[in-house]
Amino acid sequence: MAFNPNDASFFSVDSADVAAGNPLLKYLQHQSPEVLANVARSVSPEVRQIISQNIQGLVGMLPSEAFNVQVTTDRENLAGMLASAMMTGYFLRQMEQRMQLDHQLAGLSGLDKPE
């Protein structure tokens, strides 16, 4: 399953009270599909792979060629799994940015060394 920024129901909630008390949700609901698509495309393949492996670990992974697996869950458990995947994504993106910064700083410090 992939994030579809054109699907308006992605950010819908059952209660107006929930939306009113969540400024991030209100912000996301007011973004254009183009902005959301650009953010979704900015995820690196490495982060996608780690999140995919995380979800497969949560759901259970059986080879599709040998098994026809269907997973059934309730709304709360699915919401928890999606929240976990999202938090993993945020964490991985921050670590990816930190790694890039470390590499840039290491390159700069290498320029200052006398030969």
PDB file of N, CA and C in Angstrom:
ATOM      1  N   MET A   1       0.841  -1.175   0.000  1.00  0.00           N
ATOM      2  CA  MET A   1       0.000   0.000   0.000  1.00  0.00           C
ATOM      3  C   MET A   1       0.884   1.234   0.000  1.00  0.00           C
ATOM      4  N   ALA A   2       0.530   2.206  -0.776  1.00  0.00           N
ATOM      5  CA  ALA A   2       1.312   3.436  -0.867  1.00  0.00           C
ATOM      6  C   ALA A   2       0.442   4.627  -0.507  1.00  0.00           C
ATOM      7  N   PHE A   3       1.099   5.676  -0.047  1.00  0.00           N
ATOM      8  CA  PHE A   3       0.406   6.919   0.267  1.00  0.00           C
ATOM      9  C   PHE A   3      -0.097   7.545  -1.017  1.00  0.00           C
ATOM     10  N   ASN A   4      -1.369   7.874  -1.054  1.00  0.00           N
ATOM     11  CA  ASN A   4      -1.959   8.515  -2.223  1.00  0.00           C
ATOM     12  C   ASN A   4      -2.431   9.905  -1.821  1.00  0.00           C
ATOM     13  N   PRO A   5      -1.681  10.962  -2.160  1.00  0.00           N
ATOM     14  CA  PRO A   5      -2.063  12.306  -1.749  1.00  0.00           C
ATOM     15  C   PRO A   5      -3.346  12.798  -2.397  1.00  0.00           C
ATOM     16  N   ASN A   6      -3.809  12.137  -3.447  1.00  0.00           N
ATOM     17  CA  ASN A   6      -5.057  12.539  -4.098  1.00  0.00           C
ATOM     18  C   ASN A   6      -6.285  11.939  -3.424  1.00  0.00           C
ATOM     19  N   ASP A   7      -6.071  11.022  -2.486  1.00  0.00           N
ATOM     20  CA  ASP A   7      -7.171  10.403  -1.759  1.00  0.00           C
ATOM     21  C   ASP A   7      -7.541  11.293  -0.581  1.00  0.00           C
ATOM     22  N   ALA A   8      -8.617  12.027  -0.705  1.00  0.00           N
ATOM     23  CA  ALA A   8      -9.014  12.982   0.333  1.00  0.00           C
ATOM     24  C   ALA A   8      -9.357  12.287   1.641  1.00  0.00           C
ATOM     25  N   SER A   9      -9.735  11.030   1.606  1.00  0.00           N
ATOM     26  CA  SER A   9     -10.112  10.337   2.836  1.00  0.00           C
ATOM     27  C   SER A   9      -8.905   9.945   3.682  1.00  0.00           C
ATOM     28  N   PHE A  10      -7.693  10.095   3.146  1.00  0.00           N
ATOM     29  CA  PHE A  10      -6.500   9.710   3.902  1.00  0.00           C
ATOM     30  C   PHE A  10      -6.415  10.464   5.217  1.00  0.00           C
ATOM     31  N   PHE A  11      -6.772  11.745   5.210  1.00  0.00           N
ATOM     32  CA  PHE A  11      -6.682  12.556   6.414  1.00  0.00           C
ATOM     33  C   PHE A  11      -8.037  12.795   7.065  1.00  0.00           C
ATOM     34  N   SER A  12      -9.052  12.045   6.688  1.00  0.00           N
ATOM     35  CA  SER A  12     -10.359  12.255   7.297  1.00  0.00           C
ATOM     36  C   SER A  12     -10.396  11.594   8.669  1.00  0.00           C
ATOM     37  N   VAL A  13     -11.200  12.165   9.545  1.00  0.00           N
ATOM     38  CA  VAL A  13     -11.374  11.620  10.892  1.00  0.00           C
ATOM     39  C   VAL A  13     -12.858  11.515  11.177  1.00  0.00           C
ATOM     40  N   ASP A  14     -13.206  10.662  12.137  1.00  0.00           N
ATOM     41  CA  ASP A  14     -14.609  10.458  12.478  1.00  0.00           C
ATOM     42  C   ASP A  14     -15.200  11.623  13.254  1.00  0.00           C
ATOM     43  N   SER A  15     -14.395  12.288  14.031  1.00  0.00           N
ATOM     44  CA  SER A  15     -14.909  13.310  14.923  1.00  0.00           C
ATOM     45  C   SER A  15     -14.333  14.679  14.587  1.00  0.00           C
ATOM     46  N   ALA A  16     -15.208  15.672  14.503  1.00  0.00           N
ATOM     47  CA  ALA A  16     -14.739  17.043  14.268  1.00  0.00           C
ATOM     48  C   ALA A  16     -13.924  17.534  15.453  1.00  0.00           C
ATOM     49  N   ASP A  17     -14.211  17.000  16.655  1.00  0.00           N
ATOM     50  CA  ASP A  17     -13.452  17.385  17.850  1.00  0.00           C
ATOM     51  C   ASP A  17     -11.990  16.968  17.727  1.00  0.00           C
ATOM     52  N   VAL A  18     -11.746  15.806  17.153  1.00  0.00           N
ATOM     53  CA  VAL A  18     -10.371  15.331  16.971  1.00  0.00           C
ATOM     54  C   VAL A  18      -9.634  16.256  16.015  1.00  0.00           C
ATOM     55  N   ALA A  19     -10.259  16.595  14.915  1.00  0.00           N
ATOM     56  CA  ALA A  19      -9.624  17.481  13.936  1.00  0.00           C
ATOM     57  C   ALA A  19      -9.392  18.866  14.516  1.00  0.00           C
ATOM     58  N   ALA A  20     -10.332  19.363  15.310  1.00  0.00           N
ATOM     59  CA  ALA A  20     -10.194  20.701  15.893  1.00  0.00           C
ATOM     60  C   ALA A  20      -9.046  20.761  16.892  1.00  0.00           C
ATOM     61  N   GLY A  21      -8.787  19.658  17.586  1.00  0.00           N
ATOM     62  CA  GLY A  21      -7.731  19.636  18.597  1.00  0.00           C
ATOM     63  C   GLY A  21      -6.379  19.220  18.069  1.00  0.00           C
ATOM     64  N   ASN A  22      -6.255  19.008  16.778  1.00  0.00           N
ATOM     65  CA  ASN A  22      -5.009  18.521  16.205  1.00  0.00           C
ATOM     66  C   ASN A  22      -4.544  19.479  15.112  1.00  0.00           C
ATOM     67  N   PRO A  23      -3.676  20.439  15.478  1.00  0.00           N
ATOM     68  CA  PRO A  23      -3.247  21.421  14.475  1.00  0.00           C
ATOM     69  C   PRO A  23      -2.487  20.809  13.302  1.00  0.00           C
ATOM     70  N   LEU A  24      -1.744  19.729  13.526  1.00  0.00           N
ATOM     71  CA  LEU A  24      -1.027  19.090  12.421  1.00  0.00           C
ATOM     72  C   LEU A  24      -2.014  18.501  11.415  1.00  0.00           C
ATOM     73  N   LEU A  25      -3.050  17.851  11.905  1.00  0.00           N
ATOM     74  CA  LEU A  25      -4.055  17.286  11.015  1.00  0.00           C
ATOM     75  C   LEU A  25      -4.732  18.386  10.200  1.00  0.00           C
ATOM     76  N   LYS A  26      -5.059  19.491  10.841  1.00  0.00           N
ATOM     77  CA  LYS A  26      -5.666  20.616  10.122  1.00  0.00           C
ATOM     78  C   LYS A  26      -4.712  21.150   9.054  1.00  0.00           C
ATOM     79  N   TYR A  27      -3.432  21.247   9.387  1.00  0.00           N
ATOM     80  CA  TYR A  27      -2.426  21.718   8.434  1.00  0.00           C
ATOM     81  C   TYR A  27      -2.348  20.784   7.224  1.00  0.00           C
ATOM     82  N   LEU A  28      -2.294  19.478   7.486  1.00  0.00           N
ATOM     83  CA  LEU A  28      -2.210  18.500   6.404  1.00  0.00           C
ATOM     84  C   LEU A  28      -3.445  18.549   5.509  1.00  0.00           C
ATOM     85  N   GLN A  29      -4.613  18.743   6.101  1.00  0.00           N
ATOM     86  CA  GLN A  29      -5.842  18.787   5.324  1.00  0.00           C
ATOM     87  C   GLN A  29      -5.887  19.993   4.389  1.00  0.00           C
ATOM     88  N   HIS A  30      -5.128  21.025   4.696  1.00  0.00           N
ATOM     89  CA  HIS A  30      -5.131  22.234   3.868  1.00  0.00           C
ATOM     90  C   HIS A  30      -3.989  22.268   2.841  1.00  0.00           C
ATOM     91  N   GLN A  31      -3.198  21.222   2.765  1.00  0.00           N
ATOM     92  CA  GLN A  31      -2.108  21.173   1.796  1.00  0.00           C
ATOM     93  C   GLN A  31      -2.627  20.668   0.453  1.00  0.00           C
ATOM     94  N   SER A  32      -2.016  21.156  -0.595  1.00  0.00           N
ATOM     95  CA  SER A  32      -2.416  20.703  -1.932  1.00  0.00           C
ATOM     96  C   SER A  32      -1.885  19.285  -2.176  1.00  0.00           C
ATOM     97  N   PRO A  33      -2.530  18.532  -3.049  1.00  0.00           N
ATOM     98  CA  PRO A  33      -2.035  17.195  -3.380  1.00  0.00           C
ATOM     99  C   PRO A  33      -0.606  17.222  -3.922  1.00  0.00           C
ATOM    100  N   GLU A  34      -0.236  18.293  -4.621  1.00  0.00           N
ATOM    101  CA  GLU A  34       1.117  18.391  -5.171  1.00  0.00           C
ATOM    102  C   GLU A  34       2.157  18.463  -4.055  1.00  0.00           C
ATOM    103  N   VAL A  35       1.874  19.254  -3.023  1.00  0.00           N
ATOM    104  CA  VAL A  35       2.809  19.371  -1.891  1.00  0.00           C
ATOM    105  C   VAL A  35       2.966  18.022  -1.205  1.00  0.00           C
ATOM    106  N   LEU A  36       1.857  17.350  -0.951  1.00  0.00           N
ATOM    107  CA  LEU A  36       1.914  16.049  -0.284  1.00  0.00           C
ATOM    108  C   LEU A  36       2.636  15.017  -1.144  1.00  0.00           C
ATOM    109  N   ALA A  37       2.427  15.059  -2.449  1.00  0.00           N
ATOM    110  CA  ALA A  37       3.115  14.127  -3.350  1.00  0.00           C
ATOM    111  C   ALA A  37       4.616  14.383  -3.348  1.00  0.00           C
ATOM    112  N   ASN A  38       5.031  15.644  -3.336  1.00  0.00           N
ATOM    113  CA  ASN A  38       6.464  15.968  -3.292  1.00  0.00           C
ATOM    114  C   ASN A  38       7.104  15.460  -2.015  1.00  0.00           C
ATOM    115  N   VAL A  39       6.421  15.618  -0.897  1.00  0.00           N
ATOM    116  CA  VAL A  39       6.956  15.123   0.373  1.00  0.00           C
ATOM    117  C   VAL A  39       7.063  13.604   0.332  1.00  0.00           C
ATOM    118  N   ALA A  40       6.033  12.938  -0.175  1.00  0.00           N
ATOM    119  CA  ALA A  40       6.048  11.476  -0.248  1.00  0.00           C
ATOM    120  C   ALA A  40       7.168  10.972  -1.151  1.00  0.00           C
ATOM    121  N   ARG A  41       7.446  11.679  -2.254  1.00  0.00           N
ATOM    122  CA  ARG A  41       8.517  11.260  -3.174  1.00  0.00           C
ATOM    123  C   ARG A  41       9.905  11.501  -2.596  1.00  0.00           C
ATOM    124  N   SER A  42      10.026  12.340  -1.584  1.00  0.00           N
ATOM    125  CA  SER A  42      11.345  12.671  -1.053  1.00  0.00           C
ATOM    126  C   SER A  42      11.929  11.571  -0.170  1.00  0.00           C
ATOM    127  N   VAL A  43      11.153  10.547   0.108  1.00  0.00           N
ATOM    128  CA  VAL A  43      11.632   9.451   0.953  1.00  0.00           C
ATOM    129  C   VAL A  43      12.627   8.611   0.159  1.00  0.00           C
ATOM    130  N   SER A  44      13.772   8.333   0.771  1.00  0.00           N
ATOM    131  CA  SER A  44      14.803   7.562   0.075  1.00  0.00           C
ATOM    132  C   SER A  44      14.410   6.085  -0.016  1.00  0.00           C
ATOM    133  N   PRO A  45      14.965   5.371  -0.991  1.00  0.00           N
ATOM    134  CA  PRO A  45      14.684   3.935  -1.105  1.00  0.00           C
ATOM    135  C   PRO A  45      15.110   3.159   0.142  1.00  0.00           C
ATOM    136  N   GLU A  46      16.178   3.609   0.798  1.00  0.00           N
ATOM    137  CA  GLU A  46      16.637   2.925   2.008  1.00  0.00           C
ATOM    138  C   GLU A  46      15.596   3.021   3.121  1.00  0.00           C
ATOM    139  N   VAL A  47      15.022   4.212   3.285  1.00  0.00           N
ATOM    140  CA  VAL A  47      13.996   4.395   4.316  1.00  0.00           C
ATOM    141  C   VAL A  47      12.760   3.573   3.971  1.00  0.00           C
ATOM    142  N   ARG A  48      12.357   3.570   2.698  1.00  0.00           N
ATOM    143  CA  ARG A  48      11.204   2.762   2.282  1.00  0.00           C
ATOM    144  C   ARG A  48      11.431   1.287   2.603  1.00  0.00           C
ATOM    145  N   GLN A  49      12.641   0.802   2.348  1.00  0.00           N
ATOM    146  CA  GLN A  49      12.943  -0.608   2.591  1.00  0.00           C
ATOM    147  C   GLN A  49      12.847  -0.938   4.077  1.00  0.00           C
ATOM    148  N   ILE A  50      13.392  -0.080   4.927  1.00  0.00           N
ATOM    149  CA  ILE A  50      13.358  -0.332   6.369  1.00  0.00           C
ATOM    150  C   ILE A  50      11.919  -0.315   6.880  1.00  0.00           C
ATOM    151  N   ILE A  51      11.121   0.651   6.429  1.00  0.00           N
ATOM    152  CA  ILE A  51       9.724   0.719   6.863  1.00  0.00           C
ATOM    153  C   ILE A  51       8.959  -0.508   6.375  1.00  0.00           C
ATOM    154  N   SER A  52       9.201  -0.925   5.142  1.00  0.00           N
ATOM    155  CA  SER A  52       8.550  -2.115   4.605  1.00  0.00           C
ATOM    156  C   SER A  52       8.894  -3.346   5.441  1.00  0.00           C
ATOM    157  N   GLN A  53      10.166  -3.498   5.787  1.00  0.00           N
ATOM    158  CA  GLN A  53      10.580  -4.629   6.618  1.00  0.00           C
ATOM    159  C   GLN A  53       9.949  -4.554   8.003  1.00  0.00           C
ATOM    160  N   ASN A  54       9.823  -3.343   8.549  1.00  0.00           N
ATOM    161  CA  ASN A  54       9.202  -3.161   9.857  1.00  0.00           C
ATOM    162  C   ASN A  54       7.737  -3.597   9.823  1.00  0.00           C
ATOM    163  N   ILE A  55       7.010  -3.167   8.805  1.00  0.00           N
ATOM    164  CA  ILE A  55       5.595  -3.537   8.698  1.00  0.00           C
ATOM    165  C   ILE A  55       5.446  -5.034   8.469  1.00  0.00           C
ATOM    166  N   GLN A  56       6.303  -5.604   7.629  1.00  0.00           N
ATOM    167  CA  GLN A  56       6.246  -7.046   7.401  1.00  0.00           C
ATOM    168  C   GLN A  56       6.518  -7.803   8.695  1.00  0.00           C
ATOM    169  N   GLY A  57       7.408  -7.271   9.526  1.00  0.00           N
ATOM    170  CA  GLY A  57       7.669  -7.891  10.818  1.00  0.00           C
ATOM    171  C   GLY A  57       6.476  -7.795  11.753  1.00  0.00           C
ATOM    172  N   LEU A  58       5.757  -6.676  11.705  1.00  0.00           N
ATOM    173  CA  LEU A  58       4.574  -6.511  12.545  1.00  0.00           C
ATOM    174  C   LEU A  58       3.431  -7.411  12.095  1.00  0.00           C
ATOM    175  N   VAL A  59       3.243  -7.533  10.791  1.00  0.00           N
ATOM    176  CA  VAL A  59       2.131  -8.301  10.243  1.00  0.00           C
ATOM    177  C   VAL A  59       2.469  -9.784  10.173  1.00  0.00           C
ATOM    178  N   GLY A  60       3.708 -10.089   9.909  1.00  0.00           N
ATOM    179  CA  GLY A  60       4.123 -11.467   9.703  1.00  0.00           C
ATOM    180  C   GLY A  60       4.432 -11.655   8.235  1.00  0.00           C
ATOM    181  N   MET A  61       5.512 -12.316   7.961  1.00  0.00           N
ATOM    182  CA  MET A  61       5.962 -12.437   6.576  1.00  0.00           C
ATOM    183  C   MET A  61       6.026 -13.904   6.198  1.00  0.00           C
ATOM    184  N   LEU A  62       5.210 -14.275   5.258  1.00  0.00           N
ATOM    185  CA  LEU A  62       5.267 -15.600   4.668  1.00  0.00           C
ATOM    186  C   LEU A  62       5.465 -15.424   3.172  1.00  0.00           C
ATOM    187  N   PRO A  63       6.202 -16.310   2.529  1.00  0.00           N
ATOM    188  CA  PRO A  63       6.430 -16.165   1.087  1.00  0.00           C
ATOM    189  C   PRO A  63       5.106 -16.218   0.322  1.00  0.00           C
ATOM    190  N   SER A  64       4.883 -15.211  -0.519  1.00  0.00           N
ATOM    191  CA  SER A  64       3.606 -15.113  -1.236  1.00  0.00           C
ATOM    192  C   SER A  64       3.417 -16.241  -2.252  1.00  0.00           C
ATOM    193  N   GLU A  65       4.516 -16.809  -2.739  1.00  0.00           N
ATOM    194  CA  GLU A  65       4.373 -17.888  -3.716  1.00  0.00           C
ATOM    195  C   GLU A  65       3.875 -19.181  -3.077  1.00  0.00           C
ATOM    196  N   ALA A  66       4.046 -19.350  -1.774  1.00  0.00           N
ATOM    197  CA  ALA A  66       3.624 -20.577  -1.111  1.00  0.00           C
ATOM    198  C   ALA A  66       2.353 -20.397  -0.278  1.00  0.00           C
ATOM    199  N   PHE A  67       2.014 -19.147   0.044  1.00  0.00           N
ATOM    200  CA  PHE A  67       0.882 -18.896   0.928  1.00  0.00           C
ATOM    201  C   PHE A  67       0.017 -17.771   0.387  1.00  0.00           C
ATOM    202  N   ASN A  68      -1.278 -17.900   0.596  1.00  0.00           N
ATOM    203  CA  ASN A  68      -2.213 -16.816   0.302  1.00  0.00           C
ATOM    204  C   ASN A  68      -2.641 -16.250   1.653  1.00  0.00           C
ATOM    205  N   VAL A  69      -1.936 -15.233   2.114  1.00  0.00           N
ATOM    206  CA  VAL A  69      -2.131 -14.710   3.459  1.00  0.00           C
ATOM    207  C   VAL A  69      -3.080 -13.526   3.432  1.00  0.00           C
ATOM    208  N   GLN A  70      -4.057 -13.559   4.332  1.00  0.00           N
ATOM    209  CA  GLN A  70      -4.932 -12.419   4.551  1.00  0.00           C
ATOM    210  C   GLN A  70      -4.823 -12.035   6.019  1.00  0.00           C
ATOM    211  N   VAL A  71      -4.672 -10.747   6.269  1.00  0.00           N
ATOM    212  CA  VAL A  71      -4.546 -10.252   7.632  1.00  0.00           C
ATOM    213  C   VAL A  71      -5.824  -9.516   7.987  1.00  0.00           C
ATOM    214  N   THR A  72      -6.382  -9.856   9.128  1.00  0.00           N
ATOM    215  CA  THR A  72      -7.586  -9.187   9.613  1.00  0.00           C
ATOM    216  C   THR A  72      -7.257  -8.534  10.939  1.00  0.00           C
ATOM    217  N   THR A  73      -7.680  -7.290  11.080  1.00  0.00           N
ATOM    218  CA  THR A  73      -7.438  -6.576  12.330  1.00  0.00           C
ATOM    219  C   THR A  73      -8.569  -5.585  12.543  1.00  0.00           C
ATOM    220  N   ASP A  74      -8.588  -4.972  13.708  1.00  0.00           N
ATOM    221  CA  ASP A  74      -9.591  -3.936  13.943  1.00  0.00           C
ATOM    222  C   ASP A  74      -8.977  -2.568  13.686  1.00  0.00           C
ATOM    223  N   ARG A  75      -9.806  -1.583  13.712  1.00  0.00           N
ATOM    224  CA  ARG A  75      -9.399  -0.222  13.365  1.00  0.00           C
ATOM    225  C   ARG A  75      -8.296   0.307  14.286  1.00  0.00           C
ATOM    226  N   GLU A  76      -8.413   0.044  15.582  1.00  0.00           N
ATOM    227  CA  GLU A  76      -7.439   0.558  16.545  1.00  0.00           C
ATOM    228  C   GLU A  76      -6.057  -0.065  16.343  1.00  0.00           C
ATOM    229  N   ASN A  77      -6.019  -1.361  16.109  1.00  0.00           N
ATOM    230  CA  ASN A  77      -4.728  -2.017  15.884  1.00  0.00           C
ATOM    231  C   ASN A  77      -4.090  -1.561  14.576  1.00  0.00           C
ATOM    232  N   LEU A  78      -4.905  -1.376  13.542  1.00  0.00           N
ATOM    233  CA  LEU A  78      -4.379  -0.882  12.272  1.00  0.00           C
ATOM    234  C   LEU A  78      -3.839   0.534  12.440  1.00  0.00           C
ATOM    235  N   ALA A  79      -4.574   1.363  13.169  1.00  0.00           N
ATOM    236  CA  ALA A  79      -4.108   2.734  13.423  1.00  0.00           C
ATOM    237  C   ALA A  79      -2.788   2.719  14.183  1.00  0.00           C
ATOM    238  N   GLY A  80      -2.657   1.819  15.147  1.00  0.00           N
ATOM    239  CA  GLY A  80      -1.401   1.708  15.893  1.00  0.00           C
ATOM    240  C   GLY A  80      -0.244   1.277  15.007  1.00  0.00           C
ATOM    241  N   MET A  81      -0.506   0.334  14.103  1.00  0.00           N
ATOM    242  CA  MET A  81       0.544  -0.123  13.195  1.00  0.00           C
ATOM    243  C   MET A  81       0.962   0.997  12.244  1.00  0.00           C
ATOM    244  N   LEU A  82      -0.005   1.730  11.719  1.00  0.00           N
ATOM    245  CA  LEU A  82       0.323   2.840  10.823  1.00  0.00           C
ATOM    246  C   LEU A  82       1.071   3.941  11.563  1.00  0.00           C
ATOM    247  N   ALA A  83       0.663   4.222  12.791  1.00  0.00           N
ATOM    248  CA  ALA A  83       1.367   5.232  13.586  1.00  0.00           C
ATOM    249  C   ALA A  83       2.803   4.797  13.840  1.00  0.00           C
ATOM    250  N   SER A  84       2.997   3.518  14.119  1.00  0.00           N
ATOM    251  CA  SER A  84       4.349   2.998  14.327  1.00  0.00           C
ATOM    252  C   SER A  84       5.192   3.157  13.065  1.00  0.00           C
ATOM    253  N   ALA A  85       4.613   2.845  11.916  1.00  0.00           N
ATOM    254  CA  ALA A  85       5.346   2.989  10.652  1.00  0.00           C
ATOM    255  C   ALA A  85       5.687   4.447  10.387  1.00  0.00           C
ATOM    256  N   MET A  86       4.752   5.342  10.683  1.00  0.00           N
ATOM    257  CA  MET A  86       5.015   6.766  10.465  1.00  0.00           C
ATOM    258  C   MET A  86       6.117   7.270  11.391  1.00  0.00           C
ATOM    259  N   MET A  87       6.072   6.886  12.654  1.00  0.00           N
ATOM    260  CA  MET A  87       7.103   7.322  13.597  1.00  0.00           C
ATOM    261  C   MET A  87       8.466   6.755  13.192  1.00  0.00           C
ATOM    262  N   THR A  88       8.472   5.515  12.724  1.00  0.00           N
ATOM    263  CA  THR A  88       9.718   4.936  12.226  1.00  0.00           C
ATOM    264  C   THR A  88      10.236   5.755  11.056  1.00  0.00           C
ATOM    265  N   GLY A  89       9.355   6.159  10.168  1.00  0.00           N
ATOM    266  CA  GLY A  89       9.754   6.982   9.026  1.00  0.00           C
ATOM    267  C   GLY A  89      10.332   8.314   9.443  1.00  0.00           C
ATOM    268  N   TYR A  90       9.688   8.975  10.403  1.00  0.00           N
ATOM    269  CA  TYR A  90      10.202  10.262  10.883  1.00  0.00           C
ATOM    270  C   TYR A  90      11.583  10.089  11.514  1.00  0.00           C
ATOM    271  N   PHE A  91      11.719   9.053  12.335  1.00  0.00           N
ATOM    272  CA  PHE A  91      13.000   8.788  12.990  1.00  0.00           C
ATOM    273  C   PHE A  91      14.081   8.510  11.950  1.00  0.00           C
ATOM    274  N   LEU A  92      13.769   7.652  10.986  1.00  0.00           N
ATOM    275  CA  LEU A  92      14.763   7.305   9.969  1.00  0.00           C
ATOM    276  C   LEU A  92      15.151   8.516   9.133  1.00  0.00           C
ATOM    277  N   ARG A  93      14.201   9.381   8.819  1.00  0.00           N
ATOM    278  CA  ARG A  93      14.524  10.583   8.040  1.00  0.00           C
ATOM    279  C   ARG A  93      15.456  11.489   8.828  1.00  0.00           C
ATOM    280  N   GLN A  94      15.202  11.643  10.121  1.00  0.00           N
ATOM    281  CA  GLN A  94      16.090  12.462  10.943  1.00  0.00           C
ATOM    282  C   GLN A  94      17.492  11.858  11.006  1.00  0.00           C
ATOM    283  N   MET A  95      17.572  10.547  11.131  1.00  0.00           N
ATOM    284  CA  MET A  95      18.883   9.899  11.184  1.00  0.00           C
ATOM    285  C   MET A  95      19.586   9.996   9.833  1.00  0.00           C
ATOM    286  N   GLU A  96      18.831   9.921   8.753  1.00  0.00           N
ATOM    287  CA  GLU A  96      19.406  10.068   7.418  1.00  0.00           C
ATOM    288  C   GLU A  96      19.986  11.471   7.250  1.00  0.00           C
ATOM    289  N   GLN A  97      19.258  12.483   7.709  1.00  0.00           N
ATOM    290  CA  GLN A  97      19.758  13.859   7.639  1.00  0.00           C
ATOM    291  C   GLN A  97      20.992  14.034   8.516  1.00  0.00           C
ATOM    292  N   ARG A  98      20.991  13.410   9.677  1.00  0.00           N
ATOM    293  CA  ARG A  98      22.156  13.492  10.568  1.00  0.00           C
ATOM    294  C   ARG A  98      23.375  12.840   9.920  1.00  0.00           C
ATOM    295  N   MET A  99      23.169  11.694   9.280  1.00  0.00           N
ATOM    296  CA  MET A  99      24.264  11.007   8.602  1.00  0.00           C
ATOM    297  C   MET A  99      24.840  11.891   7.493  1.00  0.00           C
ATOM    298  N   GLN A 100      23.954  12.539   6.718  1.00  0.00           N
ATOM    299  CA  GLN A 100      24.420  13.427   5.654  1.00  0.00           C
ATOM    300  C   GLN A 100      25.210  14.598   6.229  1.00  0.00           C
ATOM    301  N   LEU A 101      24.737  15.154   7.327  1.00  0.00           N
ATOM    302  CA  LEU A 101      25.442  16.256   7.976  1.00  0.00           C
ATOM    303  C   LEU A 101      26.803  15.797   8.500  1.00  0.00           C
ATOM    304  N   ASP A 102      26.849  14.618   9.118  1.00  0.00           N
ATOM    305  CA  ASP A 102      28.130  14.071   9.589  1.00  0.00           C
ATOM    306  C   ASP A 102      29.117  13.912   8.436  1.00  0.00           C
ATOM    307  N   HIS A 103      28.626  13.395   7.300  1.00  0.00           N
ATOM    308  CA  HIS A 103      29.507  13.220   6.139  1.00  0.00           C
ATOM    309  C   HIS A 103      29.998  14.563   5.609  1.00  0.00           C
ATOM    310  N   GLN A 104      29.122  15.551   5.589  1.00  0.00           N
ATOM    311  CA  GLN A 104      29.525  16.883   5.126  1.00  0.00           C
ATOM    312  C   GLN A 104      30.549  17.499   6.067  1.00  0.00           C
ATOM    313  N   LEU A 105      30.329  17.362   7.363  1.00  0.00           N
ATOM    314  CA  LEU A 105      31.274  17.915   8.334  1.00  0.00           C
ATOM    315  C   LEU A 105      32.610  17.180   8.288  1.00  0.00           C
ATOM    316  N   ALA A 106      32.566  15.877   8.081  1.00  0.00           N
ATOM    317  CA  ALA A 106      33.811  15.118   7.964  1.00  0.00           C
ATOM    318  C   ALA A 106      34.581  15.569   6.731  1.00  0.00           C
ATOM    319  N   GLY A 107      33.876  15.860   5.654  1.00  0.00           N
ATOM    320  CA  GLY A 107      34.528  16.354   4.439  1.00  0.00           C
ATOM    321  C   GLY A 107      35.144  17.716   4.645  1.00  0.00           C
ATOM    322  N   LEU A 108      34.465  18.583   5.385  1.00  0.00           N
ATOM    323  CA  LEU A 108      35.004  19.917   5.664  1.00  0.00           C
ATOM    324  C   LEU A 108      36.226  19.843   6.562  1.00  0.00           C
ATOM    325  N   SER A 109      36.178  18.970   7.560  1.00  0.00           N
ATOM    326  CA  SER A 109      37.329  18.870   8.458  1.00  0.00           C
ATOM    327  C   SER A 109      38.525  18.266   7.735  1.00  0.00           C
ATOM    328  N   GLY A 110      38.275  17.447   6.713  1.00  0.00           N
ATOM    329  CA  GLY A 110      39.361  16.883   5.922  1.00  0.00           C
ATOM    330  C   GLY A 110      40.067  17.927   5.081  1.00  0.00           C
ATOM    331  N   LEU A 111      39.377  19.008   4.741  1.00  0.00           N
ATOM    332  CA  LEU A 111      39.987  20.082   3.954  1.00  0.00           C
ATOM    333  C   LEU A 111      40.990  20.886   4.768  1.00  0.00           C
ATOM    334  N   ASP A 112      40.793  20.935   6.077  1.00  0.00           N
ATOM    335  CA  ASP A 112      41.641  21.754   6.937  1.00  0.00           C
ATOM    336  C   ASP A 112      42.941  21.067   7.336  1.00  0.00           C
ATOM    337  N   LYS A 113      43.048  19.771   7.090  1.00  0.00           N
ATOM    338  CA  LYS A 113      44.237  19.039   7.518  1.00  0.00           C
ATOM    339  C   LYS A 113      45.417  19.351   6.608  1.00  0.00           C
ATOM    340  N   PRO A 114      46.572  19.695   7.198  1.00  0.00           N
ATOM    341  CA  PRO A 114      47.767  19.899   6.367  1.00  0.00           C
ATOM    342  C   PRO A 114      48.276  18.565   5.850  1.00  0.00           C
ATOM    343  N   GLU A 115      48.860  18.604   4.674  1.00  0.00           N
ATOM    344  CA  GLU A 115      49.375  17.356   4.093  1.00  0.00           C
ATOM    345  C   GLU A 115      50.841  17.193   4.345  1.00  0.00           C
TER     346      GLU A 115
END
